Amino acid sequence: MKIFSLALLTLLLGALWTGSQGISFRSSYSTCCYKDMFVWWKIPALHIKSYQETPSHCSHRAVRVELWKGKKVCVAPELGWFQQYRQQKDSAGTST
């Protein structure tokens, strides 16, 4: 019983410590895109909330697209429709 209590206390203290340090057990690889996460059809621009390129350590070069309903999908950055979308967003953001 003492070993169980000690183990439980250790886990509790570890959880408190990581919470105070801002450390996450989530892998940085959760921002990567894998083969089965890609969509190859055109997503209408009005459905896209935001997008972000995957980090360089990921095995597939991709863009994670967040839709307004909260779903996140991956697209290949070289797709023509996405390049047009990105150019429109970039030009809209730089015009005053």
C-alpha atoms as a PDB file:
ATOM      1  CA  MET A   1       0.000   0.000   0.000  1.00  0.00           C
ATOM      2  CA  LYS A   2       2.888   2.367   0.756  1.00  0.00           C
ATOM      3  CA  ILE A   3       4.393   1.775  -2.710  1.00  0.00           C
ATOM      4  CA  PHE A   4       1.056   2.513  -4.362  1.00  0.00           C
ATOM      5  CA  SER A   5       0.669   5.731  -2.361  1.00  0.00           C
ATOM      6  CA  LEU A   6       4.224   6.784  -3.211  1.00  0.00           C
ATOM      7  CA  ALA A   7       3.684   6.085  -6.912  1.00  0.00           C
ATOM      8  CA  LEU A   8       0.422   8.032  -6.901  1.00  0.00           C
ATOM      9  CA  LEU A   9       2.054  10.958  -5.116  1.00  0.00           C
ATOM     10  CA  THR A  10       4.947  10.943  -7.598  1.00  0.00           C
ATOM     11  CA  LEU A  11       2.550  11.014 -10.554  1.00  0.00           C
ATOM     12  CA  LEU A  12       0.556  13.824  -8.999  1.00  0.00           C
ATOM     13  CA  LEU A  13       3.645  15.919  -8.317  1.00  0.00           C
ATOM     14  CA  GLY A  14       4.906  15.266 -11.846  1.00  0.00           C
ATOM     15  CA  ALA A  15       1.609  16.434 -13.322  1.00  0.00           C
ATOM     16  CA  LEU A  16       1.651  19.571 -11.196  1.00  0.00           C
ATOM     17  CA  TRP A  17       5.236  20.328 -12.159  1.00  0.00           C
ATOM     18  CA  THR A  18       4.656  19.953 -15.913  1.00  0.00           C
ATOM     19  CA  GLY A  19       1.549  22.121 -15.650  1.00  0.00           C
ATOM     20  CA  SER A  20       3.472  24.892 -13.928  1.00  0.00           C
ATOM     21  CA  GLN A  21       6.324  24.677 -16.459  1.00  0.00           C
ATOM     22  CA  GLY A  22       3.988  24.871 -19.449  1.00  0.00           C
ATOM     23  CA  ILE A  23       5.261  21.553 -20.751  1.00  0.00           C
ATOM     24  CA  SER A  24       2.971  19.558 -22.967  1.00  0.00           C
ATOM     25  CA  PHE A  25       3.085  15.813 -23.462  1.00  0.00           C
ATOM     26  CA  ARG A  26       1.574  16.326 -26.908  1.00  0.00           C
ATOM     27  CA  SER A  27       4.103  15.649 -29.604  1.00  0.00           C
ATOM     28  CA  SER A  28       5.180  18.420 -31.921  1.00  0.00           C
ATOM     29  CA  TYR A  29       4.546  15.859 -34.652  1.00  0.00           C
ATOM     30  CA  SER A  30       0.802  16.317 -34.103  1.00  0.00           C
ATOM     31  CA  THR A  31       1.101  19.337 -36.424  1.00  0.00           C
ATOM     32  CA  CYS A  32       2.361  17.118 -39.247  1.00  0.00           C
ATOM     33  CA  CYS A  33       0.264  15.744 -42.083  1.00  0.00           C
ATOM     34  CA  TYR A  34       0.284  12.071 -42.978  1.00  0.00           C
ATOM     35  CA  LYS A  35      -0.787  10.302 -46.150  1.00  0.00           C
ATOM     36  CA  ASP A  36      -4.359   9.565 -45.019  1.00  0.00           C
ATOM     37  CA  MET A  37      -4.991  13.145 -43.841  1.00  0.00           C
ATOM     38  CA  PHE A  38      -4.769  14.801 -47.279  1.00  0.00           C
ATOM     39  CA  VAL A  39      -7.747  15.990 -49.302  1.00  0.00           C
ATOM     40  CA  TRP A  40      -7.299  16.382 -53.033  1.00  0.00           C
ATOM     41  CA  TRP A  41     -10.500  18.215 -53.963  1.00  0.00           C
ATOM     42  CA  LYS A  42     -10.965  21.965 -54.023  1.00  0.00           C
ATOM     43  CA  ILE A  43     -12.160  23.462 -50.763  1.00  0.00           C
ATOM     44  CA  PRO A  44     -14.323  26.556 -51.294  1.00  0.00           C
ATOM     45  CA  ALA A  45     -12.564  29.677 -50.009  1.00  0.00           C
ATOM     46  CA  LEU A  46     -15.514  30.634 -47.811  1.00  0.00           C
ATOM     47  CA  HIS A  47     -15.089  27.369 -45.867  1.00  0.00           C
ATOM     48  CA  ILE A  48     -11.447  28.093 -44.948  1.00  0.00           C
ATOM     49  CA  LYS A  49     -10.866  29.788 -41.609  1.00  0.00           C
ATOM     50  CA  SER A  50      -7.067  29.655 -41.579  1.00  0.00           C
ATOM     51  CA  TYR A  51      -4.072  27.711 -42.824  1.00  0.00           C
ATOM     52  CA  GLN A  52      -0.557  26.974 -41.652  1.00  0.00           C
ATOM     53  CA  GLU A  53       2.407  25.243 -43.244  1.00  0.00           C
ATOM     54  CA  THR A  54       3.668  22.144 -41.498  1.00  0.00           C
ATOM     55  CA  PRO A  55       7.052  22.362 -39.722  1.00  0.00           C
ATOM     56  CA  SER A  56      10.222  21.319 -41.539  1.00  0.00           C
ATOM     57  CA  HIS A  57      10.669  18.181 -39.398  1.00  0.00           C
ATOM     58  CA  CYS A  58       7.505  16.602 -40.852  1.00  0.00           C
ATOM     59  CA  SER A  59       7.917  13.849 -43.418  1.00  0.00           C
ATOM     60  CA  HIS A  60       5.392  15.374 -45.891  1.00  0.00           C
ATOM     61  CA  ARG A  61       5.428  18.993 -46.999  1.00  0.00           C
ATOM     62  CA  ALA A  62       1.870  20.205 -46.552  1.00  0.00           C
ATOM     63  CA  VAL A  63      -0.480  22.920 -45.388  1.00  0.00           C
ATOM     64  CA  ARG A  64      -2.930  22.302 -42.538  1.00  0.00           C
ATOM     65  CA  VAL A  65      -6.201  24.005 -43.368  1.00  0.00           C
ATOM     66  CA  GLU A  66      -8.707  24.757 -40.615  1.00  0.00           C
ATOM     67  CA  LEU A  67     -12.298  24.941 -41.767  1.00  0.00           C
ATOM     68  CA  TRP A  68     -14.942  27.140 -40.119  1.00  0.00           C
ATOM     69  CA  LYS A  69     -16.587  24.081 -38.557  1.00  0.00           C
ATOM     70  CA  GLY A  70     -13.329  23.288 -36.724  1.00  0.00           C
ATOM     71  CA  LYS A  71     -12.195  20.386 -38.874  1.00  0.00           C
ATOM     72  CA  LYS A  72      -8.535  20.382 -39.912  1.00  0.00           C
ATOM     73  CA  VAL A  73      -7.392  18.820 -43.166  1.00  0.00           C
ATOM     74  CA  CYS A  74      -4.151  18.727 -45.075  1.00  0.00           C
ATOM     75  CA  VAL A  75      -3.577  19.917 -48.619  1.00  0.00           C
ATOM     76  CA  ALA A  76      -0.559  19.789 -50.875  1.00  0.00           C
ATOM     77  CA  PRO A  77       0.798  23.346 -51.230  1.00  0.00           C
ATOM     78  CA  GLU A  78       1.440  22.853 -54.951  1.00  0.00           C
ATOM     79  CA  LEU A  79      -2.256  22.323 -55.790  1.00  0.00           C
ATOM     80  CA  GLY A  80      -3.409  24.997 -58.229  1.00  0.00           C
ATOM     81  CA  TRP A  81      -6.572  25.942 -56.337  1.00  0.00           C
ATOM     82  CA  PHE A  82      -4.631  26.395 -53.103  1.00  0.00           C
ATOM     83  CA  GLN A  83      -1.958  28.516 -54.772  1.00  0.00           C
ATOM     84  CA  GLN A  84      -4.699  30.785 -56.165  1.00  0.00           C
ATOM     85  CA  TYR A  85      -6.350  30.974 -52.724  1.00  0.00           C
ATOM     86  CA  ARG A  86      -3.042  31.883 -51.092  1.00  0.00           C
ATOM     87  CA  GLN A  87      -2.286  34.571 -53.703  1.00  0.00           C
ATOM     88  CA  GLN A  88      -5.730  36.119 -53.188  1.00  0.00           C
ATOM     89  CA  LYS A  89      -5.257  36.147 -49.397  1.00  0.00           C
ATOM     90  CA  ASP A  90      -1.750  37.583 -49.683  1.00  0.00           C
ATOM     91  CA  SER A  91      -2.822  40.341 -52.084  1.00  0.00           C
ATOM     92  CA  ALA A  92      -5.883  41.180 -49.941  1.00  0.00           C
ATOM     93  CA  GLY A  93      -3.680  41.412 -46.846  1.00  0.00           C
ATOM     94  CA  THR A  94      -1.110  43.739 -48.415  1.00  0.00           C
ATOM     95  CA  SER A  95      -3.532  46.167 -50.057  1.00  0.00           C
ATOM     96  CA  THR A  96      -4.573  49.244 -48.078  1.00  0.00           C
END
